[in-house]
Amino acid sequence: MRLGETGAPALLAHPDWAEPAPFCVWLHGRTANKELDPGRYTRWLRAGLAVCAVDLPGHGERADPSRQGPEGTIGVIDEAVAEIDPILAGLDEFGVFDRDRAAIGGMSMGGMIALRRLCEPHGFKCAAVEATCGDLGGLYFPDADSGLKPWPVAHDPAEVSRVDPAANLDGFEPLPLLALHSEADEMVPWRVQAKFLERLRAHYMDRGAAPDLIEVRTWPETGAPAEHVGFGRFSNEAKNIQTAFLVEHLIGADR
């Protein structure tokens, strides 16, 4: 389908297309597309969850190679964040996507988009991200003593700050959040995301929320390409953990 004012290409799947169902808006990573990883979606469907998987700007059905390189990340994040609300409005027209039981999630760049969207008012009940980072400043501009390699692209600091979840945490209202990561990730170092999650836990406590609303599962290494694209031999485990998390917070015990 094409959803929202920009006609964002979306893959929609639903357990029965008859009764309103909880759902997750899923955002893929850089150079990927919405059809990637159907095993994720089939698990959700079997559990009673609907799917709205979106092609990011410059990707999938609206492919533009000039926007798929690391130099295009900031612009894609900015545009994709603005598309989410119109996409949700487009889902309302079907009448079977329950906005009161909605989640958002994403992998890598898609996770960055999800975390940034959560820094603004929203109606999501929970979120799930993987192989991503909520501190783009720490990722793109590492301290000399951090031990991290300089980022291969020179982003403008002001543009990064605008789309950086860590720079906009004041608007992040606590909600259940699941973060999955390989500790050996060669593209998005776990240490940067780990520091962001600690900062986010402190933010939760400042808001009077329990820090254990943030759930984390990592693996020392997985065998996945660059330890970033999927979770290799732990792929099945990762998908099952994510599905169980979504079921817990969108369906609950009375399923």
Protein backbone atom coordinates (compact mmCIF):
# COMPACT_ATOMS: atom_id res chain seq x y z
CA MET A 1 0.00 0.00 0.00
CA ARG A 2 0.91 3.68 -0.20
CA LEU A 3 0.22 5.56 3.02
CA GLY A 4 0.21 9.16 4.16
CA GLU A 5 0.65 12.44 2.36
CA THR A 6 3.95 11.33 0.82
CA GLY A 7 2.60 7.96 -0.31
CA ALA A 8 5.13 6.01 1.72
CA PRO A 9 5.27 2.40 0.46
CA ALA A 10 4.17 0.03 3.20
CA LEU A 11 3.78 -3.72 3.59
CA LEU A 12 0.65 -4.42 5.64
CA ALA A 13 -0.18 -7.77 7.18
CA HIS A 14 -3.00 -8.60 9.58
CA PRO A 15 -4.06 -11.73 11.48
CA ASP A 16 -7.57 -11.75 10.00
CA TRP A 17 -8.45 -8.33 8.46
CA ALA A 18 -11.72 -8.52 10.41
CA GLU A 19 -11.18 -7.37 13.99
CA PRO A 20 -8.93 -4.51 15.21
CA ALA A 21 -5.53 -5.90 16.14
CA PRO A 22 -2.47 -4.47 17.92
CA PHE A 23 0.33 -3.67 15.52
CA CYS A 24 3.91 -2.53 15.15
CA VAL A 25 5.30 0.04 12.74
CA TRP A 26 8.64 -1.45 11.67
CA LEU A 27 11.46 0.57 10.09
CA HIS A 28 14.29 -1.19 8.27
CA GLY A 29 17.96 -0.21 8.14
CA ARG A 30 20.04 1.60 5.55
CA THR A 31 20.17 -0.03 2.07
CA ALA A 32 17.40 -2.51 3.04
CA ASN A 33 13.66 -2.57 2.31
CA LYS A 34 10.34 -3.33 3.96
CA GLU A 35 10.20 -6.91 2.68
CA LEU A 36 13.40 -7.87 4.48
CA ASP A 37 13.16 -10.52 7.19
CA PRO A 38 9.68 -12.02 6.69
CA GLY A 39 10.35 -14.38 9.58
CA ARG A 40 9.84 -11.41 11.88
CA TYR A 41 6.43 -10.65 10.42
CA THR A 42 5.16 -14.23 10.38
CA ARG A 43 5.97 -14.57 14.08
CA TRP A 44 3.98 -11.42 14.81
CA LEU A 45 0.99 -12.60 12.76
CA ARG A 46 0.91 -15.97 14.50
CA ALA A 47 0.94 -14.15 17.84
CA GLY A 48 -2.02 -11.97 16.87
CA LEU A 49 -0.06 -8.84 15.91
CA ALA A 50 -0.52 -6.84 12.71
CA VAL A 51 2.38 -5.40 10.71
CA CYS A 52 3.08 -2.06 9.07
CA ALA A 53 6.57 -2.24 7.55
CA VAL A 54 7.62 0.91 5.72
CA ASP A 55 10.12 1.62 2.95
CA LEU A 56 12.24 4.50 4.24
CA PRO A 57 12.80 7.57 2.02
CA GLY A 58 15.18 6.65 -0.80
CA HIS A 59 14.74 2.91 -0.20
CA GLY A 60 12.68 0.03 -1.51
CA GLU A 61 9.97 1.08 -3.94
CA ARG A 62 11.30 4.65 -3.87
CA ALA A 63 14.94 3.66 -4.22
CA ASP A 64 17.46 6.45 -4.67
CA PRO A 65 21.06 5.19 -4.34
CA SER A 66 22.25 8.70 -3.51
CA ARG A 67 20.23 8.50 -0.26
CA GLN A 68 21.34 5.04 0.79
CA GLY A 69 24.97 5.82 1.64
CA PRO A 70 26.06 6.89 5.15
CA GLU A 71 26.17 10.50 3.99
CA GLY A 72 22.39 10.39 3.48
CA THR A 73 21.46 9.09 6.92
CA ILE A 74 20.63 12.41 8.59
CA GLY A 75 18.28 13.51 5.82
CA VAL A 76 16.53 10.14 5.74
CA ILE A 77 16.01 10.15 9.52
CA ASP A 78 14.62 13.67 9.41
CA GLU A 79 12.17 12.88 6.61
CA ALA A 80 11.12 9.51 7.99
CA VAL A 81 10.30 10.88 11.44
CA ALA A 82 7.93 13.39 9.83
CA GLU A 83 6.22 10.62 7.84
CA ILE A 84 5.19 8.47 10.78
CA ASP A 85 2.07 10.35 11.84
CA PRO A 86 0.65 10.55 8.29
CA ILE A 87 1.36 6.82 7.92
CA LEU A 88 -0.62 6.13 11.10
CA ALA A 89 -3.46 8.26 9.78
CA GLY A 90 -3.41 6.17 6.62
CA LEU A 91 -3.75 3.00 8.69
CA ASP A 92 -6.87 4.41 10.35
CA GLU A 93 -8.70 4.15 7.03
CA PHE A 94 -8.56 0.33 7.23
CA GLY A 95 -10.32 0.23 10.60
CA VAL A 96 -8.44 -2.89 11.77
CA PHE A 97 -5.20 -1.40 13.14
CA ASP A 98 -5.78 -0.64 16.82
CA ARG A 99 -4.11 2.70 17.54
CA ASP A 100 -4.57 2.14 21.29
CA ARG A 101 -2.25 -0.88 21.04
CA ALA A 102 0.51 0.29 18.74
CA ALA A 103 4.27 -0.15 18.90
CA ILE A 104 7.15 1.29 16.90
CA GLY A 105 10.48 -0.29 16.20
CA GLY A 106 13.38 -0.53 13.84
CA MET A 107 16.79 -1.88 13.01
CA SER A 108 19.93 0.28 12.72
CA MET A 109 18.87 3.52 10.99
CA GLY A 110 15.26 2.47 11.45
CA GLY A 111 15.86 2.22 15.19
CA MET A 112 17.35 5.71 15.20
CA ILE A 113 14.17 6.97 13.54
CA ALA A 114 11.98 5.17 16.08
CA LEU A 115 13.92 6.56 19.05
CA ARG A 116 13.81 10.08 17.65
CA ARG A 117 10.04 9.86 17.07
CA LEU A 118 9.60 8.86 20.70
CA CYS A 119 11.10 12.21 21.72
CA GLU A 120 7.87 13.91 20.57
CA PRO A 121 4.28 13.36 21.77
CA HIS A 122 2.93 10.02 20.51
CA GLY A 123 0.49 7.23 21.29
CA PHE A 124 2.79 4.20 21.14
CA LYS A 125 2.57 1.73 24.01
CA CYS A 126 6.04 0.22 23.63
CA ALA A 127 9.04 0.14 21.32
CA ALA A 128 11.61 -2.39 20.13
CA VAL A 129 14.94 -1.54 18.50
CA GLU A 130 17.97 -3.54 17.44
CA ALA A 131 21.53 -2.87 16.30
CA THR A 132 20.94 0.85 16.65
CA CYS A 133 22.08 3.87 18.64
CA GLY A 134 20.24 6.66 20.40
CA ASP A 135 23.31 8.87 20.76
CA LEU A 136 24.20 10.03 17.27
CA GLY A 137 26.57 12.64 18.61
CA GLY A 138 28.55 9.95 20.40
CA LEU A 139 28.45 7.75 17.31
CA TYR A 140 29.46 10.35 14.73
CA PHE A 141 31.78 12.49 16.86
CA PRO A 142 33.58 10.08 19.22
CA ASP A 143 35.98 11.49 21.78
CA ALA A 144 39.65 10.99 21.01
CA ASP A 145 40.01 8.76 24.09
CA SER A 146 36.91 6.67 23.35
CA GLY A 147 38.81 4.07 21.37
CA LEU A 148 36.26 4.34 18.55
CA LYS A 149 37.24 4.87 14.94
CA PRO A 150 36.32 8.25 13.43
CA TRP A 151 33.02 8.07 11.54
CA PRO A 152 33.67 7.77 7.77
CA VAL A 153 31.32 10.67 6.93
CA ALA A 154 31.63 14.24 8.21
CA HIS A 155 28.10 15.16 9.27
CA ASP A 156 27.11 18.69 10.23
CA PRO A 157 26.83 18.80 14.08
CA ALA A 158 23.75 21.04 14.01
CA GLU A 159 21.93 18.69 11.63
CA VAL A 160 22.89 15.69 13.74
CA SER A 161 21.60 17.38 16.89
CA ARG A 162 18.21 17.97 15.30
CA VAL A 163 17.65 14.26 14.66
CA ASP A 164 19.63 12.89 17.63
CA PRO A 165 17.46 11.19 20.28
CA ALA A 166 20.08 11.92 22.95
CA ALA A 167 19.88 15.64 22.20
CA ASN A 168 16.07 15.63 22.46
CA LEU A 169 15.44 13.41 25.49
CA ASP A 170 13.36 16.01 27.34
CA GLY A 171 10.37 14.93 25.24
CA PHE A 172 10.92 11.19 25.66
CA GLU A 173 8.08 9.88 27.84
CA PRO A 174 8.98 6.58 29.55
CA LEU A 175 7.51 3.44 27.97
CA PRO A 176 8.54 -0.21 27.76
CA LEU A 177 11.56 -0.43 25.45
CA LEU A 178 13.42 -3.49 24.21
CA ALA A 179 16.96 -3.13 22.85
CA LEU A 180 18.77 -6.01 21.13
CA HIS A 181 22.43 -5.76 20.12
CA SER A 182 25.57 -7.71 19.31
CA GLU A 183 28.39 -6.57 21.58
CA ALA A 184 30.76 -7.09 18.63
CA ASP A 185 28.75 -4.88 16.23
CA GLU A 186 31.27 -3.34 13.82
CA MET A 187 28.95 -0.60 12.49
CA VAL A 188 27.12 0.61 15.59
CA PRO A 189 29.38 -0.04 18.58
CA TRP A 190 27.53 -1.46 21.55
CA ARG A 191 29.42 0.74 24.01
CA VAL A 192 27.81 3.89 22.53
CA GLN A 193 24.30 2.44 22.71
CA ALA A 194 24.95 1.07 26.22
CA LYS A 195 25.85 4.56 27.46
CA PHE A 196 22.74 5.98 25.82
CA LEU A 197 20.52 3.39 27.51
CA GLU A 198 22.06 4.22 30.88
CA ARG A 199 21.29 7.86 30.26
CA LEU A 200 17.76 6.92 29.22
CA ARG A 201 17.29 4.91 32.43
CA ALA A 202 18.32 7.98 34.43
CA HIS A 203 15.79 10.01 32.44
CA TYR A 204 13.09 7.46 33.31
CA MET A 205 13.92 7.75 37.00
CA ASP A 206 13.81 11.55 36.77
CA ARG A 207 10.28 11.15 35.39
CA GLY A 208 9.29 8.82 38.22
CA ALA A 209 9.31 5.71 36.01
CA ALA A 210 11.02 2.41 36.69
CA PRO A 211 14.33 2.06 34.84
CA ASP A 212 13.63 -1.64 34.28
CA LEU A 213 11.01 -0.63 31.72
CA ILE A 214 14.09 -0.71 29.47
CA GLU A 215 14.93 -4.32 28.66
CA VAL A 216 18.26 -5.21 27.04
CA ARG A 217 19.49 -8.43 25.47
CA THR A 218 22.97 -8.64 23.97
CA TRP A 219 25.18 -11.40 22.62
CA PRO A 220 29.02 -11.33 22.78
CA GLU A 221 29.09 -12.28 19.10
CA THR A 222 26.57 -13.78 16.68
CA GLY A 223 28.31 -14.61 13.40
CA ALA A 224 26.13 -12.13 11.52
CA PRO A 225 27.70 -10.01 8.73
CA ALA A 226 29.74 -7.27 10.44
CA GLU A 227 27.94 -8.45 13.61
CA HIS A 228 25.29 -5.93 12.53
CA VAL A 229 22.97 -7.40 9.90
CA GLY A 230 20.68 -9.70 11.84
CA PHE A 231 21.82 -11.86 14.73
CA GLY A 232 23.37 -14.79 12.89
CA ARG A 233 22.95 -18.05 14.76
CA PHE A 234 20.89 -16.21 17.40
CA SER A 235 18.42 -14.84 14.86
CA ASN A 236 15.61 -17.16 15.95
CA GLU A 237 16.18 -16.34 19.62
CA ALA A 238 16.22 -12.59 18.91
CA LYS A 239 12.96 -12.73 16.95
CA ASN A 240 11.26 -14.78 19.63
CA ILE A 241 12.39 -12.36 22.36
CA GLN A 242 11.05 -9.43 20.37
CA THR A 243 7.72 -11.11 19.62
CA ALA A 244 7.22 -12.05 23.27
CA PHE A 245 7.96 -8.46 24.30
CA LEU A 246 5.38 -7.05 21.87
CA VAL A 247 2.78 -9.60 22.92
CA GLU A 248 3.35 -8.80 26.60
CA HIS A 249 2.84 -5.07 26.15
CA LEU A 250 0.26 -4.97 23.37
CA ILE A 251 -1.86 -8.04 24.12
CA GLY A 252 -0.96 -9.05 27.68
CA ALA A 253 -1.96 -12.18 29.51
CA ASP A 254 -5.57 -12.12 28.31
CA ARG A 255 -4.80 -13.07 24.70
